[in-house]
Amino acid sequence: MKKMIMPALAVAMIMIGGCAESSTLIRASSTSVRSDIFQELSNGGQAPAGYSDLRVTSSLKTHRPGVYSAKDIHGTPDYKLLLNIDGQAVQLQGNLREEISEARGLYDSEAGEGIRYRFSFNMRLKAGTHKIVIAVPADDLAVEREITLTEGSNSLVLEPVYKATSGKRRTGIYPVTSYKKGIRSFKIILNGKTI
């Protein structure tokens, strides 16, 4: 009996620790401690020497509002993406629309009725290495990375990695995932390369 309880307890502690780390990182990253790291760009133009223009984009899907509770902000304009670069924070509001999509394969994690969000933000900052935190407070998700930006134009794409649906598995060891369960992480792609 002890042999069965110990692994289950270890998994539970790891899950609780991961949630606590995300919550702490979200709280710490929600407030700007600096305001001189980046500036939002409303129009194009070439970045001056020593600077980078960074375009951050993400497209993700959530369930409709009110599916799980009246207080749930999924599917509403209050569902936001938080970016923090070197201590300067910005909350992005997505463009949202209802979406009904057919499965594009046997296990399409975005098939069904839901709300599609498209986030986009353009900024200018110094070229070089920066610490970035990407968070979705509604899903208690925070991801921290170090990115190196080259002079000129750069692109950062955030692709959602959805949570697993309980009890369902694909062939092999990978679970079936669904937007209805929320976002587990992001696949982060800087200038075409996953980081």
N, C-alpha and C. Protein backbone atom coordinates (compact mmCIF):
# COMPACT_ATOMS: atom_id res chain seq x y z
N MET A 1 0.82 -1.19 0.00
CA MET A 1 0.00 0.00 0.00
C MET A 1 0.87 1.26 0.00
N LYS A 2 1.94 1.25 0.83
CA LYS A 2 2.83 2.41 0.88
C LYS A 2 3.49 2.66 -0.47
N LYS A 3 3.77 1.58 -1.20
CA LYS A 3 4.41 1.71 -2.51
C LYS A 3 3.50 2.47 -3.48
N MET A 4 2.20 2.33 -3.34
CA MET A 4 1.26 3.02 -4.24
C MET A 4 1.04 4.47 -3.82
N ILE A 5 1.05 4.73 -2.54
CA ILE A 5 0.76 6.07 -2.03
C ILE A 5 1.91 7.03 -2.30
N MET A 6 3.14 6.57 -2.13
CA MET A 6 4.30 7.45 -2.29
C MET A 6 4.41 8.07 -3.69
N PRO A 7 4.29 7.29 -4.79
CA PRO A 7 4.35 7.93 -6.11
C PRO A 7 3.20 8.90 -6.34
N ALA A 8 2.01 8.56 -5.88
CA ALA A 8 0.87 9.46 -6.04
C ALA A 8 1.08 10.75 -5.28
N LEU A 9 1.64 10.65 -4.08
CA LEU A 9 1.93 11.83 -3.28
C LEU A 9 3.00 12.70 -3.94
N ALA A 10 4.02 12.06 -4.51
CA ALA A 10 5.09 12.81 -5.19
C ALA A 10 4.53 13.58 -6.38
N VAL A 11 3.66 12.95 -7.18
CA VAL A 11 3.05 13.62 -8.33
C VAL A 11 2.20 14.80 -7.86
N ALA A 12 1.43 14.60 -6.80
CA ALA A 12 0.59 15.69 -6.27
C ALA A 12 1.43 16.86 -5.80
N MET A 13 2.55 16.59 -5.14
CA MET A 13 3.43 17.66 -4.65
C MET A 13 4.05 18.43 -5.81
N ILE A 14 4.42 17.73 -6.87
CA ILE A 14 4.98 18.40 -8.05
C ILE A 14 3.93 19.30 -8.68
N MET A 15 2.69 18.81 -8.80
CA MET A 15 1.62 19.61 -9.39
C MET A 15 1.33 20.86 -8.55
N ILE A 16 1.27 20.68 -7.23
CA ILE A 16 1.01 21.82 -6.34
C ILE A 16 2.17 22.81 -6.42
N GLY A 17 3.40 22.30 -6.44
CA GLY A 17 4.57 23.17 -6.55
C GLY A 17 4.57 23.96 -7.84
N GLY A 18 4.19 23.33 -8.96
CA GLY A 18 4.14 24.01 -10.25
C GLY A 18 3.11 25.13 -10.24
N CYS A 19 1.94 24.86 -9.65
CA CYS A 19 0.89 25.89 -9.56
C CYS A 19 1.35 27.05 -8.69
N ALA A 20 2.00 26.72 -7.57
CA ALA A 20 2.47 27.78 -6.67
C ALA A 20 3.53 28.63 -7.35
N GLU A 21 4.43 28.00 -8.11
CA GLU A 21 5.45 28.75 -8.83
C GLU A 21 4.81 29.69 -9.85
N SER A 22 3.82 29.20 -10.60
CA SER A 22 3.15 30.04 -11.59
C SER A 22 2.45 31.21 -10.92
N SER A 23 1.73 30.94 -9.83
CA SER A 23 1.01 32.01 -9.13
C SER A 23 1.97 33.09 -8.64
N THR A 24 3.10 32.66 -8.08
CA THR A 24 4.10 33.61 -7.59
C THR A 24 4.68 34.43 -8.74
N LEU A 25 5.00 33.76 -9.85
CA LEU A 25 5.56 34.44 -11.01
C LEU A 25 4.54 35.42 -11.62
N ILE A 26 3.28 35.04 -11.66
CA ILE A 26 2.22 35.93 -12.18
C ILE A 26 2.12 37.18 -11.31
N ARG A 27 2.07 36.98 -9.99
CA ARG A 27 1.98 38.14 -9.08
C ARG A 27 3.18 39.06 -9.25
N ALA A 28 4.36 38.48 -9.31
CA ALA A 28 5.58 39.29 -9.42
C ALA A 28 5.67 40.01 -10.76
N SER A 29 5.11 39.41 -11.80
CA SER A 29 5.24 39.97 -13.16
C SER A 29 4.09 40.90 -13.55
N SER A 30 3.04 40.94 -12.76
CA SER A 30 1.86 41.74 -13.11
C SER A 30 2.08 43.24 -12.98
N THR A 31 3.02 43.63 -12.17
CA THR A 31 3.27 45.05 -11.94
C THR A 31 4.61 45.45 -12.54
N SER A 32 4.62 46.58 -13.20
CA SER A 32 5.88 47.10 -13.76
C SER A 32 6.74 47.68 -12.66
N VAL A 33 8.01 47.28 -12.65
CA VAL A 33 8.98 47.90 -11.75
C VAL A 33 9.90 48.83 -12.54
N ARG A 34 9.75 48.77 -13.87
CA ARG A 34 10.49 49.66 -14.77
C ARG A 34 9.54 50.12 -15.87
N SER A 35 9.88 51.23 -16.50
CA SER A 35 9.06 51.72 -17.62
C SER A 35 9.92 52.12 -18.81
N ASP A 36 11.20 51.78 -18.76
CA ASP A 36 12.12 52.21 -19.80
C ASP A 36 12.68 51.07 -20.66
N ILE A 37 12.07 49.89 -20.58
CA ILE A 37 12.58 48.73 -21.31
C ILE A 37 12.08 48.71 -22.76
N PHE A 38 10.79 48.91 -22.95
CA PHE A 38 10.23 48.91 -24.30
C PHE A 38 9.20 50.01 -24.46
N GLN A 39 8.93 50.33 -25.72
CA GLN A 39 7.84 51.25 -26.03
C GLN A 39 6.98 50.60 -27.10
N GLU A 40 5.68 50.77 -26.96
CA GLU A 40 4.75 50.21 -27.93
C GLU A 40 4.89 50.94 -29.25
N LEU A 41 4.87 50.18 -30.34
CA LEU A 41 4.93 50.77 -31.68
C LEU A 41 3.55 50.76 -32.30
N SER A 42 3.12 51.91 -32.76
CA SER A 42 1.82 51.97 -33.44
C SER A 42 2.01 51.97 -34.95
N ASN A 43 3.17 52.42 -35.41
CA ASN A 43 3.44 52.39 -36.85
C ASN A 43 4.83 51.79 -37.07
N GLY A 44 5.09 51.43 -38.29
CA GLY A 44 6.35 50.77 -38.62
C GLY A 44 7.56 51.67 -38.51
N GLY A 45 8.37 51.64 -39.52
CA GLY A 45 9.62 52.37 -39.49
C GLY A 45 10.74 51.43 -39.11
N GLN A 46 11.92 51.81 -39.45
CA GLN A 46 13.09 50.97 -39.18
C GLN A 46 13.63 51.25 -37.79
N ALA A 47 14.00 50.17 -37.10
CA ALA A 47 14.59 50.32 -35.77
C ALA A 47 15.96 50.98 -35.90
N PRO A 48 16.27 51.95 -35.05
CA PRO A 48 17.60 52.57 -35.09
C PRO A 48 18.69 51.57 -34.68
N ALA A 49 19.92 51.89 -34.98
CA ALA A 49 21.05 51.02 -34.63
C ALA A 49 21.03 50.72 -33.14
N GLY A 50 21.24 49.44 -32.81
CA GLY A 50 21.25 49.02 -31.42
C GLY A 50 19.90 48.64 -30.86
N TYR A 51 18.83 48.78 -31.67
CA TYR A 51 17.47 48.49 -31.22
C TYR A 51 16.83 47.38 -32.03
N SER A 52 15.80 46.76 -31.43
CA SER A 52 15.03 45.70 -32.06
C SER A 52 13.56 46.06 -32.05
N ASP A 53 12.89 45.73 -33.13
CA ASP A 53 11.44 45.77 -33.14
C ASP A 53 10.97 44.34 -32.94
N LEU A 54 10.07 44.14 -31.98
CA LEU A 54 9.59 42.81 -31.65
C LEU A 54 8.08 42.77 -31.81
N ARG A 55 7.63 41.82 -32.62
CA ARG A 55 6.19 41.58 -32.80
C ARG A 55 5.84 40.29 -32.07
N VAL A 56 4.96 40.39 -31.07
CA VAL A 56 4.51 39.23 -30.30
C VAL A 56 3.10 38.89 -30.75
N THR A 57 2.88 37.62 -31.13
CA THR A 57 1.55 37.20 -31.57
C THR A 57 1.18 35.86 -30.93
N SER A 58 -0.11 35.68 -30.73
CA SER A 58 -0.62 34.41 -30.23
C SER A 58 -2.07 34.25 -30.66
N SER A 59 -2.43 33.03 -31.02
CA SER A 59 -3.80 32.69 -31.35
C SER A 59 -4.16 31.46 -30.51
N LEU A 60 -5.20 31.58 -29.70
CA LEU A 60 -5.59 30.47 -28.84
C LEU A 60 -7.10 30.42 -28.70
N LYS A 61 -7.56 29.30 -28.19
CA LYS A 61 -9.00 29.09 -28.07
C LYS A 61 -9.35 28.72 -26.64
N THR A 62 -10.51 29.21 -26.17
CA THR A 62 -11.02 28.84 -24.85
C THR A 62 -12.47 28.39 -25.00
N HIS A 63 -12.99 27.85 -23.92
CA HIS A 63 -14.41 27.50 -23.93
C HIS A 63 -15.25 28.77 -23.84
N ARG A 64 -16.51 28.65 -24.08
CA ARG A 64 -17.41 29.80 -24.03
C ARG A 64 -17.59 30.26 -22.58
N PRO A 65 -18.01 31.52 -22.40
CA PRO A 65 -18.20 32.02 -21.03
C PRO A 65 -19.32 31.27 -20.30
N GLY A 66 -19.15 31.13 -18.99
CA GLY A 66 -20.19 30.55 -18.16
C GLY A 66 -20.32 29.04 -18.22
N VAL A 67 -19.43 28.35 -18.92
CA VAL A 67 -19.53 26.90 -19.03
C VAL A 67 -19.32 26.23 -17.68
N TYR A 68 -18.33 26.68 -16.92
CA TYR A 68 -18.01 26.04 -15.64
C TYR A 68 -18.54 26.82 -14.44
N SER A 69 -18.61 28.16 -14.55
CA SER A 69 -19.18 28.97 -13.48
C SER A 69 -19.46 30.37 -14.01
N ALA A 70 -20.30 31.09 -13.29
CA ALA A 70 -20.64 32.45 -13.71
C ALA A 70 -19.45 33.40 -13.55
N LYS A 71 -18.51 33.08 -12.67
CA LYS A 71 -17.34 33.94 -12.42
C LYS A 71 -16.20 33.67 -13.39
N ASP A 72 -16.29 32.61 -14.17
CA ASP A 72 -15.23 32.22 -15.10
C ASP A 72 -15.09 33.28 -16.19
N ILE A 73 -13.85 33.79 -16.41
CA ILE A 73 -13.65 34.85 -17.41
C ILE A 73 -13.23 34.31 -18.78
N HIS A 74 -13.10 32.99 -18.92
CA HIS A 74 -12.81 32.42 -20.24
C HIS A 74 -13.93 32.81 -21.20
N GLY A 75 -13.53 33.20 -22.40
CA GLY A 75 -14.52 33.57 -23.41
C GLY A 75 -15.02 35.00 -23.30
N THR A 76 -14.43 35.79 -22.40
CA THR A 76 -14.83 37.18 -22.22
C THR A 76 -13.65 38.11 -22.52
N PRO A 77 -13.88 39.42 -22.68
CA PRO A 77 -12.77 40.36 -22.90
C PRO A 77 -11.82 40.45 -21.70
N ASP A 78 -12.22 39.96 -20.52
CA ASP A 78 -11.36 40.01 -19.34
C ASP A 78 -10.25 38.97 -19.36
N TYR A 79 -10.32 38.02 -20.28
CA TYR A 79 -9.27 37.00 -20.42
C TYR A 79 -8.10 37.66 -21.15
N LYS A 80 -6.96 37.78 -20.46
CA LYS A 80 -5.85 38.56 -21.00
C LYS A 80 -4.55 37.78 -20.99
N LEU A 81 -3.62 38.27 -21.79
CA LEU A 81 -2.26 37.74 -21.86
C LEU A 81 -1.34 38.77 -21.24
N LEU A 82 -0.49 38.34 -20.33
CA LEU A 82 0.43 39.23 -19.64
C LEU A 82 1.84 39.02 -20.18
N LEU A 83 2.51 40.11 -20.55
CA LEU A 83 3.91 40.07 -20.95
C LEU A 83 4.70 40.94 -19.98
N ASN A 84 5.84 40.44 -19.56
CA ASN A 84 6.74 41.23 -18.73
C ASN A 84 8.15 41.01 -19.27
N ILE A 85 8.78 42.10 -19.68
CA ILE A 85 10.15 42.03 -20.19
C ILE A 85 11.04 42.87 -19.29
N ASP A 86 11.98 42.21 -18.64
CA ASP A 86 12.95 42.87 -17.76
C ASP A 86 12.30 43.80 -16.73
N GLY A 87 11.09 43.44 -16.28
CA GLY A 87 10.43 44.23 -15.24
C GLY A 87 9.38 45.20 -15.73
N GLN A 88 9.22 45.36 -17.04
CA GLN A 88 8.15 46.22 -17.57
C GLN A 88 7.02 45.32 -18.05
N ALA A 89 5.82 45.56 -17.54
CA ALA A 89 4.68 44.68 -17.82
C ALA A 89 3.64 45.37 -18.69
N VAL A 90 2.94 44.54 -19.47
CA VAL A 90 1.80 45.00 -20.24
C VAL A 90 0.79 43.86 -20.31
N GLN A 91 -0.49 44.20 -20.11
CA GLN A 91 -1.56 43.22 -20.26
C GLN A 91 -2.20 43.42 -21.62
N LEU A 92 -2.25 42.34 -22.40
CA LEU A 92 -2.80 42.42 -23.75
C LEU A 92 -4.23 41.92 -23.77
N GLN A 93 -5.07 42.69 -24.41
CA GLN A 93 -6.45 42.28 -24.63
C GLN A 93 -6.52 41.71 -26.04
N GLY A 94 -7.11 40.54 -26.17
CA GLY A 94 -7.20 39.90 -27.47
C GLY A 94 -8.42 40.33 -28.25
N ASN A 95 -8.33 40.16 -29.56
CA ASN A 95 -9.52 40.27 -30.41
C ASN A 95 -10.19 38.91 -30.35
N LEU A 96 -11.45 38.86 -29.97
CA LEU A 96 -12.10 37.58 -29.82
C LEU A 96 -13.32 37.44 -30.70
N ARG A 97 -13.58 36.18 -31.06
CA ARG A 97 -14.76 35.87 -31.85
C ARG A 97 -15.16 34.43 -31.58
N GLU A 98 -16.45 34.17 -31.75
CA GLU A 98 -16.94 32.80 -31.59
C GLU A 98 -16.42 31.96 -32.74
N GLU A 99 -16.14 30.70 -32.43
CA GLU A 99 -15.61 29.81 -33.46
C GLU A 99 -16.17 28.41 -33.27
N ILE A 100 -16.63 27.85 -34.36
CA ILE A 100 -17.01 26.44 -34.40
C ILE A 100 -16.15 25.82 -35.48
N SER A 101 -15.26 24.91 -35.08
CA SER A 101 -14.37 24.32 -36.07
C SER A 101 -14.48 22.80 -36.06
N GLU A 102 -14.41 22.24 -37.25
CA GLU A 102 -14.41 20.80 -37.43
C GLU A 102 -13.02 20.26 -37.12
N ALA A 103 -12.96 19.02 -36.70
CA ALA A 103 -11.68 18.38 -36.42
C ALA A 103 -10.88 18.26 -37.71
N ARG A 104 -9.60 18.65 -37.64
CA ARG A 104 -8.71 18.54 -38.80
C ARG A 104 -7.92 17.25 -38.77
N GLY A 105 -8.16 16.44 -37.80
CA GLY A 105 -7.49 15.15 -37.66
C GLY A 105 -8.19 14.38 -36.56
N LEU A 106 -7.68 13.23 -36.25
CA LEU A 106 -8.30 12.39 -35.25
C LEU A 106 -8.33 13.04 -33.87
N TYR A 107 -7.25 13.73 -33.50
CA TYR A 107 -7.15 14.35 -32.18
C TYR A 107 -6.83 15.83 -32.30
N ASP A 108 -7.74 16.62 -32.82
CA ASP A 108 -7.56 18.06 -32.97
C ASP A 108 -7.93 18.74 -31.66
N SER A 109 -6.96 19.36 -30.99
CA SER A 109 -7.19 19.96 -29.67
C SER A 109 -8.03 21.24 -29.73
N GLU A 110 -8.29 21.77 -30.93
CA GLU A 110 -9.09 22.99 -31.04
C GLU A 110 -10.44 22.76 -31.74
N ALA A 111 -10.85 21.51 -31.94
CA ALA A 111 -12.12 21.23 -32.61
C ALA A 111 -13.28 21.50 -31.65
N GLY A 112 -14.34 22.11 -32.19
CA GLY A 112 -15.55 22.34 -31.41
C GLY A 112 -15.89 23.81 -31.28
N GLU A 113 -16.93 24.07 -30.46
CA GLU A 113 -17.40 25.44 -30.23
C GLU A 113 -16.58 26.10 -29.13
N GLY A 114 -16.19 27.34 -29.36
CA GLY A 114 -15.44 28.07 -28.36
C GLY A 114 -15.21 29.51 -28.76
N ILE A 115 -14.29 30.14 -28.12
CA ILE A 115 -13.94 31.54 -28.38
C ILE A 115 -12.47 31.59 -28.81
N ARG A 116 -12.22 32.17 -29.98
CA ARG A 116 -10.86 32.34 -30.51
C ARG A 116 -10.34 33.71 -30.11
N TYR A 117 -9.15 33.74 -29.53
CA TYR A 117 -8.47 34.99 -29.18
C TYR A 117 -7.26 35.16 -30.09
N ARG A 118 -7.06 36.37 -30.55
CA ARG A 118 -5.85 36.72 -31.28
C ARG A 118 -5.21 37.90 -30.57
N PHE A 119 -3.99 37.68 -30.12
CA PHE A 119 -3.23 38.70 -29.41
C PHE A 119 -2.09 39.17 -30.30
N SER A 120 -1.82 40.46 -30.29
CA SER A 120 -0.72 41.02 -31.07
C SER A 120 -0.21 42.27 -30.37
N PHE A 121 1.13 42.40 -30.32
CA PHE A 121 1.73 43.57 -29.69
C PHE A 121 3.06 43.83 -30.36
N ASN A 122 3.28 45.09 -30.76
CA ASN A 122 4.54 45.49 -31.38
C ASN A 122 5.26 46.45 -30.45
N MET A 123 6.57 46.20 -30.28
CA MET A 123 7.33 47.05 -29.38
C MET A 123 8.74 47.27 -29.92
N ARG A 124 9.40 48.28 -29.39
CA ARG A 124 10.80 48.55 -29.71
C ARG A 124 11.58 48.52 -28.39
N LEU A 125 12.72 47.83 -28.40
CA LEU A 125 13.58 47.74 -27.24
C LEU A 125 15.01 47.53 -27.69
N LYS A 126 15.93 47.62 -26.77
CA LYS A 126 17.34 47.46 -27.13
C LYS A 126 17.60 46.03 -27.59
N ALA A 127 18.45 45.89 -28.60
CA ALA A 127 18.88 44.56 -29.04
C ALA A 127 19.69 43.92 -27.92
N GLY A 128 19.65 42.60 -27.86
CA GLY A 128 20.41 41.89 -26.84
C GLY A 128 19.54 40.88 -26.12
N THR A 129 19.99 40.47 -24.95
CA THR A 129 19.32 39.42 -24.18
C THR A 129 18.38 40.04 -23.14
N HIS A 130 17.17 39.47 -23.08
CA HIS A 130 16.13 39.95 -22.16
C HIS A 130 15.46 38.77 -21.49
N LYS A 131 14.96 39.01 -20.27
CA LYS A 131 14.15 38.01 -19.57
C LYS A 131 12.69 38.35 -19.83
N ILE A 132 11.94 37.36 -20.33
CA ILE A 132 10.53 37.58 -20.63
C ILE A 132 9.67 36.59 -19.86
N VAL A 133 8.55 37.09 -19.34
CA VAL A 133 7.55 36.25 -18.69
C VAL A 133 6.27 36.40 -19.50
N ILE A 134 5.71 35.26 -19.90
CA ILE A 134 4.44 35.22 -20.61
C ILE A 134 3.47 34.51 -19.68
N ALA A 135 2.33 35.14 -19.40
CA ALA A 135 1.40 34.55 -18.44
C ALA A 135 -0.04 34.69 -18.91
N VAL A 136 -0.84 33.72 -18.50
CA VAL A 136 -2.29 33.77 -18.66
C VAL A 136 -2.85 33.58 -17.25
N PRO A 137 -3.11 34.68 -16.54
CA PRO A 137 -3.56 34.57 -15.15
C PRO A 137 -4.82 33.71 -14.98
N ALA A 138 -5.74 33.74 -15.93
CA ALA A 138 -6.98 32.96 -15.83
C ALA A 138 -6.73 31.46 -15.82
N ASP A 139 -5.62 31.02 -16.41
CA ASP A 139 -5.25 29.60 -16.42
C ASP A 139 -4.13 29.29 -15.44
N ASP A 140 -3.76 30.27 -14.60
CA ASP A 140 -2.67 30.12 -13.64
C ASP A 140 -1.42 29.57 -14.32
N LEU A 141 -1.08 30.19 -15.45
CA LEU A 141 0.06 29.76 -16.26
C LEU A 141 1.04 30.90 -16.40
N ALA A 142 2.30 30.62 -16.13
CA ALA A 142 3.37 31.58 -16.37
C ALA A 142 4.59 30.83 -16.89
N VAL A 143 5.18 31.35 -17.95
CA VAL A 143 6.36 30.76 -18.57
C VAL A 143 7.43 31.84 -18.62
N GLU A 144 8.63 31.50 -18.18
CA GLU A 144 9.74 32.46 -18.16
C GLU A 144 10.85 31.95 -19.08
N ARG A 145 11.36 32.84 -19.92
CA ARG A 145 12.44 32.48 -20.84
C ARG A 145 13.41 33.65 -20.95
N GLU A 146 14.58 33.34 -21.46
CA GLU A 146 15.55 34.36 -21.82
C GLU A 146 15.58 34.37 -23.35
N ILE A 147 15.44 35.57 -23.93
CA ILE A 147 15.45 35.68 -25.39
C ILE A 147 16.56 36.64 -25.80
N THR A 148 17.13 36.38 -26.96
CA THR A 148 18.14 37.27 -27.51
C THR A 148 17.62 37.85 -28.81
N LEU A 149 17.49 39.17 -28.85
CA LEU A 149 16.94 39.87 -30.01
C LEU A 149 18.06 40.49 -30.83
N THR A 150 17.97 40.32 -32.14
CA THR A 150 18.94 40.92 -33.04
C THR A 150 18.46 42.32 -33.41
N GLU A 151 19.37 43.14 -33.89
CA GLU A 151 18.96 44.46 -34.38
C GLU A 151 18.01 44.28 -35.54
N GLY A 152 17.05 45.18 -35.64
CA GLY A 152 16.07 45.11 -36.73
C GLY A 152 14.79 44.45 -36.27
N SER A 153 14.19 43.66 -37.15
CA SER A 153 12.87 43.08 -36.92
C SER A 153 12.96 41.67 -36.33
N ASN A 154 12.16 41.41 -35.30
CA ASN A 154 12.10 40.10 -34.65
C ASN A 154 10.64 39.71 -34.45
N SER A 155 10.40 38.40 -34.40
CA SER A 155 9.04 37.90 -34.20
C SER A 155 9.03 36.84 -33.11
N LEU A 156 8.05 36.94 -32.21
CA LEU A 156 7.87 35.98 -31.13
C LEU A 156 6.44 35.45 -31.23
N VAL A 157 6.31 34.16 -31.52
CA VAL A 157 5.00 33.52 -31.66
C VAL A 157 4.78 32.61 -30.46
N LEU A 158 3.61 32.74 -29.84
CA LEU A 158 3.25 31.94 -28.67
C LEU A 158 2.14 30.98 -29.07
N GLU A 159 2.48 29.70 -29.21
CA GLU A 159 1.49 28.68 -29.59
C GLU A 159 1.03 27.96 -28.33
N PRO A 160 -0.29 27.86 -28.10
CA PRO A 160 -0.77 27.23 -26.87
C PRO A 160 -0.54 25.72 -26.87
N VAL A 161 -0.24 25.21 -25.69
CA VAL A 161 -0.19 23.77 -25.45
C VAL A 161 -1.31 23.52 -24.43
N TYR A 162 -2.35 22.83 -24.88
CA TYR A 162 -3.54 22.66 -24.04
C TYR A 162 -3.38 21.53 -23.03
N LYS A 163 -4.20 21.58 -22.00
CA LYS A 163 -4.18 20.54 -20.96
C LYS A 163 -4.81 19.26 -21.48
N ALA A 164 -4.47 18.16 -20.83
CA ALA A 164 -4.97 16.84 -21.22
C ALA A 164 -6.40 16.64 -20.73
N THR A 165 -7.16 15.90 -21.52
CA THR A 165 -8.49 15.50 -21.10
C THR A 165 -8.33 14.22 -20.28
N SER A 166 -9.02 14.13 -19.19
CA SER A 166 -8.82 13.00 -18.28
C SER A 166 -9.30 11.70 -18.91
N GLY A 167 -8.47 10.69 -18.74
CA GLY A 167 -8.84 9.34 -19.15
C GLY A 167 -8.65 9.00 -20.61
N LYS A 168 -8.35 9.97 -21.46
CA LYS A 168 -8.20 9.69 -22.89
C LYS A 168 -6.73 9.72 -23.28
N ARG A 169 -6.32 8.75 -24.06
CA ARG A 169 -4.94 8.68 -24.54
C ARG A 169 -4.92 8.42 -26.03
N ARG A 170 -3.93 9.02 -26.68
CA ARG A 170 -3.66 8.70 -28.07
C ARG A 170 -2.87 7.40 -28.11
N THR A 171 -2.70 6.88 -29.30
CA THR A 171 -1.84 5.72 -29.40
C THR A 171 -0.45 6.14 -28.95
N GLY A 172 0.20 5.31 -28.20
CA GLY A 172 1.48 5.68 -27.62
C GLY A 172 1.27 6.20 -26.21
N ILE A 173 2.07 7.15 -25.80
CA ILE A 173 1.99 7.63 -24.41
C ILE A 173 1.41 9.02 -24.27
N TYR A 174 1.08 9.69 -25.37
CA TYR A 174 0.64 11.08 -25.30
C TYR A 174 -0.86 11.17 -25.03
N PRO A 175 -1.26 12.01 -24.07
CA PRO A 175 -2.69 12.17 -23.79
C PRO A 175 -3.38 13.05 -24.84
N VAL A 176 -4.68 12.91 -24.93
CA VAL A 176 -5.48 13.78 -25.79
C VAL A 176 -5.62 15.12 -25.08
N THR A 177 -5.41 16.22 -25.81
CA THR A 177 -5.51 17.55 -25.21
C THR A 177 -6.70 18.30 -25.80
N SER A 178 -7.19 19.29 -25.05
CA SER A 178 -8.33 20.07 -25.53
C SER A 178 -8.29 21.48 -24.96
N TYR A 179 -8.66 22.45 -25.80
CA TYR A 179 -8.76 23.84 -25.36
C TYR A 179 -9.78 23.99 -24.24
N LYS A 180 -10.73 23.08 -24.16
CA LYS A 180 -11.78 23.17 -23.13
C LYS A 180 -11.22 23.01 -21.72
N LYS A 181 -10.04 22.42 -21.61
CA LYS A 181 -9.43 22.19 -20.30
C LYS A 181 -8.48 23.32 -19.89
N GLY A 182 -8.19 24.27 -20.80
CA GLY A 182 -7.29 25.37 -20.49
C GLY A 182 -5.91 25.15 -21.09
N ILE A 183 -5.04 26.13 -20.86
CA ILE A 183 -3.70 26.09 -21.43
C ILE A 183 -2.72 25.61 -20.37
N ARG A 184 -1.88 24.65 -20.74
CA ARG A 184 -0.86 24.09 -19.85
C ARG A 184 0.46 24.82 -19.98
N SER A 185 0.78 25.26 -21.23
CA SER A 185 2.06 25.91 -21.48
C SER A 185 2.00 26.61 -22.84
N PHE A 186 3.12 27.18 -23.24
CA PHE A 186 3.26 27.77 -24.56
C PHE A 186 4.47 27.17 -25.26
N LYS A 187 4.33 26.93 -26.55
CA LYS A 187 5.48 26.66 -27.40
C LYS A 187 5.91 28.04 -27.87
N ILE A 188 7.14 28.44 -27.56
CA ILE A 188 7.60 29.80 -27.84
C ILE A 188 8.56 29.75 -29.02
N ILE A 189 8.23 30.50 -30.06
CA ILE A 189 9.01 30.48 -31.30
C ILE A 189 9.55 31.88 -31.56
N LEU A 190 10.88 32.02 -31.48
CA LEU A 190 11.54 33.29 -31.72
C LEU A 190 12.21 33.23 -33.09
N ASN A 191 11.78 34.10 -33.99
CA ASN A 191 12.33 34.18 -35.35
C ASN A 191 12.40 32.81 -36.03
N GLY A 192 11.30 32.03 -35.86
CA GLY A 192 11.20 30.74 -36.54
C GLY A 192 11.80 29.57 -35.80
N LYS A 193 12.43 29.78 -34.66
CA LYS A 193 13.06 28.69 -33.90
C LYS A 193 12.43 28.56 -32.52
N THR A 194 12.08 27.33 -32.15
CA THR A 194 11.51 27.08 -30.84
C THR A 194 12.57 27.27 -29.76
N ILE A 195 12.21 28.02 -28.72
CA ILE A 195 13.16 28.22 -27.61
C ILE A 195 12.63 27.60 -26.32
